[in-house]
Each structure stands twice: as structure tokens, then as C-alpha cells.
Amino acid sequence: MLSIYNSQMSYVGKEDKKIVHQTGLWHKVFGGIMYNKKAKKIYFQTIYPKEAYTFDRDDFIDFSVGGHIEDDEKVIDAGVREVGEELGITIDKNDLKFLGIRICNCDLSDTYKIREFQHFYAFETTKDLKDMEFLASDSEVKSVIEIDIDDFLSLLMGSVKEIIANEMVLDRATRIGSYSENVVITFKRIIPDYYKDKSILEKFLAVKSLID
């Protein structure tokens, strides 16, 4: 069950997650961006197709972590839980640095509607992607991608058409990773909202300030 809200983020009750998206009810989610300060890298994930999706989803790269905040769950607790579930990484509440809230109001299909207050946080890793393992990660996570923060911002702002990244593709069953370098990332692999929503750019600029 999820807590639901009105458009001013005032609590109005609770509802099943499936109905929340079918009917477009406002709710809260956690969004996490993992970064490596020393290497000046940020991390993204791709996912295997979800049964819950009622639409075709391209193989977009997305934020490091993202998930619903359950009913009566605090945002910060949801963040710790989601990082553990999706990446198999244990963090403390104090590891999360608040980046701000993004309001997302869109319809991905007639039966999948997003009305979300997205609470964004950053958290640090000291490992390079090639040294990470994701054996305890969620089976829906298809890969983790490592990108230089300045390169990503250049792509996001349109000053370059492609950048180079590293990618760890995870076997859906075993969660064993296959690491590749020099993976080409273009506009087509990024969710279109990244280019349209100033609020998203602001979150990445906030992460850059943590790195710099």
C-alpha cells in the first residue's frame, strides 16, 4: 500500500500501488544518484522489462536507484531500503544527501499514469564499477552504468552527441556481472524527460557540486 496525497502534497489516505498508477493518484517516491567523488563518476541503471508496465519501454538509462515509498515509511528509510534492494549496497541514513524534490505528472499509457513527488538524494561510493558486485541486487536491474559527471552534463545540455561510459551487465538469475569499457551513450539511451525538465538538470548539478 502507498500513502496518497493531493497535488499540494497533503495526505489524503492510502491505496494499492497498482490502482495508484492506473488512476493517477499522487504519491511519493525515492530517487537516488550514486557518485564516486575521487573518480568524478556518476552511476545509472537499466532494467529488465517489468510485468507491472502496461506499455513498451525502451532500454533507457535511469537514475541509480528509484522506488516507491511505502505507506507510513519515512523517505530516508525508504532510501536505505531501495539502495539495498536495487543495488545490494548497505548504506546508513547519514550517507544520503538531500538534493530536492521533483514533481512528475505524466501519462505513459492509458493505464499507467505517474503523479509523483520524487524525493532525490545522493550517496557516495568509493569503488570503481569494475570492482563492484551486485549479487544481492534486485533481479529487475539489468545493468549499472558509470559515466564521467562532466561528460554526462555535456550530453544532457547538448554540447556533444555521444559520450563513452563503462557498463556492468547483470545476469537476471545469477546477478553475476559482465563488465565492458568504452560503451557509447547517445541521446537515444536517455529518458526524454532528462532533456525537457530543468529540475532533473538541477539534481545533477547538485551532485557535481558534491564531487567538485
C-alpha atoms as a PDB file:
ATOM      1  CA  MET A   1       0.000   0.000   0.000  1.00  0.00           C
ATOM      2  CA  LEU A   2       1.076   3.551  -0.730  1.00  0.00           C
ATOM      3  CA  SER A   3       0.193   6.793   1.002  1.00  0.00           C
ATOM      4  CA  ILE A   4      -1.630   9.086  -1.413  1.00  0.00           C
ATOM      5  CA  TYR A   5      -1.767  12.876  -1.483  1.00  0.00           C
ATOM      6  CA  ASN A   6      -3.432  15.778  -3.220  1.00  0.00           C
ATOM      7  CA  SER A   7      -1.488  17.946  -5.650  1.00  0.00           C
ATOM      8  CA  GLN A   8      -0.268  20.115  -2.741  1.00  0.00           C
ATOM      9  CA  MET A   9       1.304  17.013  -1.089  1.00  0.00           C
ATOM     10  CA  SER A  10      -1.238  16.879   1.733  1.00  0.00           C
ATOM     11  CA  TYR A  11      -2.024  13.338   2.900  1.00  0.00           C
ATOM     12  CA  VAL A  12      -5.452  12.026   1.912  1.00  0.00           C
ATOM     13  CA  GLY A  13      -5.260   8.256   2.527  1.00  0.00           C
ATOM     14  CA  LYS A  14      -3.756   5.063   1.194  1.00  0.00           C
ATOM     15  CA  GLU A  15      -4.253   2.861  -1.860  1.00  0.00           C
ATOM     16  CA  ASP A  16      -2.879  -0.207  -3.619  1.00  0.00           C
ATOM     17  CA  LYS A  17       0.166   0.528  -5.789  1.00  0.00           C
ATOM     18  CA  LYS A  18      -1.459  -0.880  -8.939  1.00  0.00           C
ATOM     19  CA  ILE A  19      -4.519   1.343  -8.575  1.00  0.00           C
ATOM     20  CA  VAL A  20      -2.319   4.349  -7.819  1.00  0.00           C
ATOM     21  CA  HIS A  21      -0.757   4.111 -11.280  1.00  0.00           C
ATOM     22  CA  GLN A  22      -3.897   3.009 -13.100  1.00  0.00           C
ATOM     23  CA  THR A  23      -5.865   6.021 -11.897  1.00  0.00           C
ATOM     24  CA  GLY A  24      -3.079   8.575 -11.481  1.00  0.00           C
ATOM     25  CA  LEU A  25      -3.025   9.230  -7.737  1.00  0.00           C
ATOM     26  CA  TRP A  26      -0.328  11.420  -6.208  1.00  0.00           C
ATOM     27  CA  HIS A  27       2.288   9.570  -4.125  1.00  0.00           C
ATOM     28  CA  LYS A  28       5.923   9.814  -3.015  1.00  0.00           C
ATOM     29  CA  VAL A  29       8.942   8.017  -4.447  1.00  0.00           C
ATOM     30  CA  PHE A  30      12.658   7.914  -3.671  1.00  0.00           C
ATOM     31  CA  GLY A  31      15.286   8.711  -6.290  1.00  0.00           C
ATOM     32  CA  GLY A  32      18.958   8.101  -5.632  1.00  0.00           C
ATOM     33  CA  ILE A  33      22.082   9.160  -7.528  1.00  0.00           C
ATOM     34  CA  MET A  34      25.276   7.300  -6.651  1.00  0.00           C
ATOM     35  CA  TYR A  35      28.556   9.102  -7.239  1.00  0.00           C
ATOM     36  CA  ASN A  36      32.301   8.498  -6.877  1.00  0.00           C
ATOM     37  CA  LYS A  37      33.959  11.724  -5.762  1.00  0.00           C
ATOM     38  CA  LYS A  38      37.533  10.615  -6.426  1.00  0.00           C
ATOM     39  CA  ALA A  39      36.817   9.267  -9.922  1.00  0.00           C
ATOM     40  CA  LYS A  40      34.290  12.052 -10.714  1.00  0.00           C
ATOM     41  CA  LYS A  41      31.756   9.463 -11.867  1.00  0.00           C
ATOM     42  CA  ILE A  42      28.011   9.062 -11.509  1.00  0.00           C
ATOM     43  CA  TYR A  43      26.006   5.868 -11.897  1.00  0.00           C
ATOM     44  CA  PHE A  44      22.822   4.848 -13.654  1.00  0.00           C
ATOM     45  CA  GLN A  45      20.824   1.672 -14.072  1.00  0.00           C
ATOM     46  CA  THR A  46      18.840  -0.031 -16.803  1.00  0.00           C
ATOM     47  CA  ILE A  47      16.096  -2.533 -16.070  1.00  0.00           C
ATOM     48  CA  TYR A  48      14.691  -5.740 -17.461  1.00  0.00           C
ATOM     49  CA  PRO A  49      11.031  -5.475 -18.585  1.00  0.00           C
ATOM     50  CA  LYS A  50       8.644  -5.186 -15.636  1.00  0.00           C
ATOM     51  CA  GLU A  51       5.387  -7.127 -15.515  1.00  0.00           C
ATOM     52  CA  ALA A  52       3.767  -4.061 -13.923  1.00  0.00           C
ATOM     53  CA  TYR A  53       4.360  -1.960 -17.046  1.00  0.00           C
ATOM     54  CA  THR A  54       1.365  -1.770 -19.372  1.00  0.00           C
ATOM     55  CA  PHE A  55       3.406  -0.168 -22.156  1.00  0.00           C
ATOM     56  CA  ASP A  56       6.572  -0.795 -24.145  1.00  0.00           C
ATOM     57  CA  ARG A  57       9.589   0.832 -22.504  1.00  0.00           C
ATOM     58  CA  ASP A  58      12.785   1.464 -24.417  1.00  0.00           C
ATOM     59  CA  ASP A  59      16.089   0.430 -22.845  1.00  0.00           C
ATOM     60  CA  PHE A  60      16.645   3.842 -21.262  1.00  0.00           C
ATOM     61  CA  ILE A  61      19.251   4.537 -18.631  1.00  0.00           C
ATOM     62  CA  ASP A  62      17.737   5.887 -15.437  1.00  0.00           C
ATOM     63  CA  PHE A  63      18.789   7.133 -12.005  1.00  0.00           C
ATOM     64  CA  SER A  64      20.951   4.858  -9.854  1.00  0.00           C
ATOM     65  CA  VAL A  65      18.011   3.922  -7.643  1.00  0.00           C
ATOM     66  CA  GLY A  66      14.282   4.586  -7.724  1.00  0.00           C
ATOM     67  CA  GLY A  67      11.319   3.197  -5.837  1.00  0.00           C
ATOM     68  CA  HIS A  68       8.038   3.831  -4.093  1.00  0.00           C
ATOM     69  CA  ILE A  69       7.838   4.994  -0.506  1.00  0.00           C
ATOM     70  CA  GLU A  70       5.538   2.594   1.277  1.00  0.00           C
ATOM     71  CA  ASP A  71       2.647   3.676   3.489  1.00  0.00           C
ATOM     72  CA  ASP A  72       3.868   5.008   6.865  1.00  0.00           C
ATOM     73  CA  GLU A  73       7.515   4.715   5.709  1.00  0.00           C
ATOM     74  CA  LYS A  74       9.833   7.686   6.126  1.00  0.00           C
ATOM     75  CA  VAL A  75      11.533   8.931   2.960  1.00  0.00           C
ATOM     76  CA  ILE A  76      15.032   8.414   4.363  1.00  0.00           C
ATOM     77  CA  ASP A  77      14.196   4.854   5.455  1.00  0.00           C
ATOM     78  CA  ALA A  78      12.818   4.116   2.009  1.00  0.00           C
ATOM     79  CA  GLY A  79      16.085   5.362   0.535  1.00  0.00           C
ATOM     80  CA  VAL A  80      18.193   2.998   2.630  1.00  0.00           C
ATOM     81  CA  ARG A  81      15.857   0.122   1.723  1.00  0.00           C
ATOM     82  CA  GLU A  82      15.794   0.875  -2.007  1.00  0.00           C
ATOM     83  CA  VAL A  83      19.586   1.188  -2.279  1.00  0.00           C
ATOM     84  CA  GLY A  84      19.861  -2.202  -0.591  1.00  0.00           C
ATOM     85  CA  GLU A  85      17.210  -3.825  -2.776  1.00  0.00           C
ATOM     86  CA  GLU A  86      18.204  -2.441  -6.164  1.00  0.00           C
ATOM     87  CA  LEU A  87      21.999  -2.334  -5.865  1.00  0.00           C
ATOM     88  CA  GLY A  88      22.637  -4.725  -2.998  1.00  0.00           C
ATOM     89  CA  ILE A  89      24.556  -1.969  -1.182  1.00  0.00           C
ATOM     90  CA  THR A  90      24.230  -1.285   2.542  1.00  0.00           C
ATOM     91  CA  ILE A  91      24.202   2.389   3.479  1.00  0.00           C
ATOM     92  CA  ASP A  92      23.330   4.435   6.565  1.00  0.00           C
ATOM     93  CA  LYS A  93      20.729   7.185   6.737  1.00  0.00           C
ATOM     94  CA  ASN A  94      23.514   9.709   7.197  1.00  0.00           C
ATOM     95  CA  ASP A  95      25.035   8.654   3.874  1.00  0.00           C
ATOM     96  CA  LEU A  96      22.097  10.193   1.998  1.00  0.00           C
ATOM     97  CA  LYS A  97      22.440  13.845   0.934  1.00  0.00           C
ATOM     98  CA  PHE A  98      19.190  15.614   0.030  1.00  0.00           C
ATOM     99  CA  LEU A  99      19.060  17.090  -3.482  1.00  0.00           C
ATOM    100  CA  GLY A 100      15.471  18.291  -3.665  1.00  0.00           C
ATOM    101  CA  ILE A 101      12.000  17.237  -4.808  1.00  0.00           C
ATOM    102  CA  ARG A 102      10.877  16.850  -8.406  1.00  0.00           C
ATOM    103  CA  ILE A 103       7.185  16.827  -9.325  1.00  0.00           C
ATOM    104  CA  CYS A 104       6.377  14.388 -12.139  1.00  0.00           C
ATOM    105  CA  ASN A 105       2.953  14.500 -13.808  1.00  0.00           C
ATOM    106  CA  CYS A 106       2.674  12.433 -16.979  1.00  0.00           C
ATOM    107  CA  ASP A 107       0.824   9.512 -18.590  1.00  0.00           C
ATOM    108  CA  LEU A 108       2.935   6.711 -20.043  1.00  0.00           C
ATOM    109  CA  SER A 109      -0.186   4.902 -21.248  1.00  0.00           C
ATOM    110  CA  ASP A 110      -3.953   4.963 -20.677  1.00  0.00           C
ATOM    111  CA  THR A 111      -3.476   2.583 -17.776  1.00  0.00           C
ATOM    112  CA  TYR A 112      -0.137   3.746 -16.360  1.00  0.00           C
ATOM    113  CA  LYS A 113      -0.119   7.279 -15.018  1.00  0.00           C
ATOM    114  CA  ILE A 114       2.590   8.982 -12.984  1.00  0.00           C
ATOM    115  CA  ARG A 115       1.715  11.564 -10.334  1.00  0.00           C
ATOM    116  CA  GLU A 116       4.808  11.576  -8.162  1.00  0.00           C
ATOM    117  CA  PHE A 117       6.636  13.689  -5.619  1.00  0.00           C
ATOM    118  CA  GLN A 118      10.139  12.401  -6.282  1.00  0.00           C
ATOM    119  CA  HIS A 119      12.482  12.912  -3.323  1.00  0.00           C
ATOM    120  CA  PHE A 120      16.067  12.901  -4.602  1.00  0.00           C
ATOM    121  CA  TYR A 121      19.183  12.069  -2.626  1.00  0.00           C
ATOM    122  CA  ALA A 122      22.826  11.443  -3.486  1.00  0.00           C
ATOM    123  CA  PHE A 123      25.077   8.835  -1.897  1.00  0.00           C
ATOM    124  CA  GLU A 124      28.769   8.119  -2.354  1.00  0.00           C
ATOM    125  CA  THR A 125      30.697   5.028  -3.339  1.00  0.00           C
ATOM    126  CA  THR A 126      34.468   4.737  -3.167  1.00  0.00           C
ATOM    127  CA  LYS A 127      34.604   1.812  -5.611  1.00  0.00           C
ATOM    128  CA  ASP A 128      35.028   1.887  -9.367  1.00  0.00           C
ATOM    129  CA  LEU A 129      32.362  -0.020 -11.286  1.00  0.00           C
ATOM    130  CA  LYS A 130      34.797  -2.760 -12.334  1.00  0.00           C
ATOM    131  CA  ASP A 131      35.366  -3.569  -8.643  1.00  0.00           C
ATOM    132  CA  MET A 132      31.681  -3.711  -7.670  1.00  0.00           C
ATOM    133  CA  GLU A 133      29.484  -6.758  -7.371  1.00  0.00           C
ATOM    134  CA  PHE A 134      25.701  -6.798  -7.345  1.00  0.00           C
ATOM    135  CA  LEU A 135      24.960 -10.344  -6.192  1.00  0.00           C
ATOM    136  CA  ALA A 136      22.300  -9.123  -3.752  1.00  0.00           C
ATOM    137  CA  SER A 137      20.683  -6.719  -6.206  1.00  0.00           C
ATOM    138  CA  ASP A 138      17.114  -6.839  -7.498  1.00  0.00           C
ATOM    139  CA  SER A 139      16.653  -9.148 -10.491  1.00  0.00           C
ATOM    140  CA  GLU A 140      14.934  -6.329 -12.394  1.00  0.00           C
ATOM    141  CA  VAL A 141      18.188  -4.357 -12.577  1.00  0.00           C
ATOM    142  CA  LYS A 142      19.735  -5.174 -15.954  1.00  0.00           C
ATOM    143  CA  SER A 143      22.919  -3.117 -15.797  1.00  0.00           C
ATOM    144  CA  VAL A 144      24.792  -0.404 -13.922  1.00  0.00           C
ATOM    145  CA  ILE A 145      26.484   2.301 -15.977  1.00  0.00           C
ATOM    146  CA  GLU A 146      29.415   4.503 -14.896  1.00  0.00           C
ATOM    147  CA  ILE A 147      29.784   7.919 -16.575  1.00  0.00           C
ATOM    148  CA  ASP A 148      32.061  10.893 -16.014  1.00  0.00           C
ATOM    149  CA  ILE A 149      29.903  13.667 -14.497  1.00  0.00           C
ATOM    150  CA  ASP A 150      31.184  16.364 -16.857  1.00  0.00           C
ATOM    151  CA  ASP A 151      30.690  14.137 -19.903  1.00  0.00           C
ATOM    152  CA  PHE A 152      27.119  13.403 -18.871  1.00  0.00           C
ATOM    153  CA  LEU A 153      26.302  17.064 -18.321  1.00  0.00           C
ATOM    154  CA  SER A 154      27.749  17.866 -21.760  1.00  0.00           C
ATOM    155  CA  LEU A 155      25.432  15.279 -23.305  1.00  0.00           C
ATOM    156  CA  LEU A 156      22.465  16.454 -21.273  1.00  0.00           C
ATOM    157  CA  MET A 157      22.970  20.076 -22.346  1.00  0.00           C
ATOM    158  CA  GLY A 158      23.525  19.151 -25.983  1.00  0.00           C
ATOM    159  CA  SER A 159      27.144  20.233 -26.433  1.00  0.00           C
ATOM    160  CA  VAL A 160      28.128  16.700 -27.546  1.00  0.00           C
ATOM    161  CA  LYS A 161      26.175  13.954 -29.305  1.00  0.00           C
ATOM    162  CA  GLU A 162      27.762  10.941 -27.644  1.00  0.00           C
ATOM    163  CA  ILE A 163      29.944  10.035 -24.690  1.00  0.00           C
ATOM    164  CA  ILE A 164      31.882   6.989 -23.513  1.00  0.00           C
ATOM    165  CA  ALA A 165      30.898   5.005 -20.411  1.00  0.00           C
ATOM    166  CA  ASN A 166      31.548   1.737 -18.590  1.00  0.00           C
ATOM    167  CA  GLU A 167      28.734  -0.775 -18.112  1.00  0.00           C
ATOM    168  CA  MET A 168      28.224  -3.824 -15.901  1.00  0.00           C
ATOM    169  CA  VAL A 169      25.501  -6.059 -17.371  1.00  0.00           C
ATOM    170  CA  LEU A 170      23.951  -8.352 -14.760  1.00  0.00           C
ATOM    171  CA  ASP A 171      22.630 -11.833 -15.449  1.00  0.00           C
ATOM    172  CA  ARG A 172      18.991 -11.786 -14.410  1.00  0.00           C
ATOM    173  CA  ALA A 173      19.165 -15.053 -12.469  1.00  0.00           C
ATOM    174  CA  THR A 174      22.683 -15.202 -11.032  1.00  0.00           C
ATOM    175  CA  ARG A 175      23.335 -11.433 -10.755  1.00  0.00           C
ATOM    176  CA  ILE A 176      26.885 -12.070 -11.957  1.00  0.00           C
ATOM    177  CA  GLY A 177      28.182  -9.051 -13.846  1.00  0.00           C
ATOM    178  CA  SER A 178      29.867  -8.737 -17.221  1.00  0.00           C
ATOM    179  CA  TYR A 179      31.962  -5.548 -17.347  1.00  0.00           C
ATOM    180  CA  SER A 180      32.589  -3.547 -20.535  1.00  0.00           C
ATOM    181  CA  GLU A 181      34.536  -0.348 -21.170  1.00  0.00           C
ATOM    182  CA  ASN A 182      34.132   2.247 -23.924  1.00  0.00           C
ATOM    183  CA  VAL A 183      30.373   1.836 -24.249  1.00  0.00           C
ATOM    184  CA  VAL A 184      28.895   4.593 -26.418  1.00  0.00           C
ATOM    185  CA  ILE A 185      25.989   6.519 -24.870  1.00  0.00           C
ATOM    186  CA  THR A 186      23.864   8.759 -27.102  1.00  0.00           C
ATOM    187  CA  PHE A 187      20.679  10.779 -26.643  1.00  0.00           C
ATOM    188  CA  LYS A 188      18.630   7.700 -27.569  1.00  0.00           C
ATOM    189  CA  ARG A 189      19.589   5.819 -24.399  1.00  0.00           C
ATOM    190  CA  ILE A 190      18.425   8.582 -22.071  1.00  0.00           C
ATOM    191  CA  ILE A 191      14.826   9.177 -20.973  1.00  0.00           C
ATOM    192  CA  PRO A 192      13.465  12.192 -22.914  1.00  0.00           C
ATOM    193  CA  ASP A 193      12.381  13.890 -19.675  1.00  0.00           C
ATOM    194  CA  TYR A 194      16.052  14.345 -18.806  1.00  0.00           C
ATOM    195  CA  TYR A 195      16.290  16.932 -21.582  1.00  0.00           C
ATOM    196  CA  LYS A 196      12.934  18.603 -21.014  1.00  0.00           C
ATOM    197  CA  ASP A 197      12.838  19.055 -17.242  1.00  0.00           C
ATOM    198  CA  LYS A 198      15.080  21.708 -15.690  1.00  0.00           C
ATOM    199  CA  SER A 199      14.538  20.088 -12.290  1.00  0.00           C
ATOM    200  CA  ILE A 200      16.472  16.998 -13.407  1.00  0.00           C
ATOM    201  CA  LEU A 201      19.422  19.081 -14.580  1.00  0.00           C
ATOM    202  CA  GLU A 202      19.430  20.833 -11.206  1.00  0.00           C
ATOM    203  CA  LYS A 203      19.749  17.492  -9.402  1.00  0.00           C
ATOM    204  CA  PHE A 204      22.807  16.509 -11.459  1.00  0.00           C
ATOM    205  CA  LEU A 205      24.370  19.920 -10.970  1.00  0.00           C
ATOM    206  CA  ALA A 206      23.891  19.451  -7.228  1.00  0.00           C
ATOM    207  CA  VAL A 207      25.724  16.117  -7.451  1.00  0.00           C
ATOM    208  CA  LYS A 208      28.519  17.817  -9.408  1.00  0.00           C
ATOM    209  CA  SER A 209      28.924  20.297  -6.563  1.00  0.00           C
ATOM    210  CA  LEU A 210      29.371  17.344  -4.180  1.00  0.00           C
ATOM    211  CA  ILE A 211      32.035  15.880  -6.470  1.00  0.00           C
ATOM    212  CA  ASP A 212      33.881  19.154  -7.071  1.00  0.00           C
END
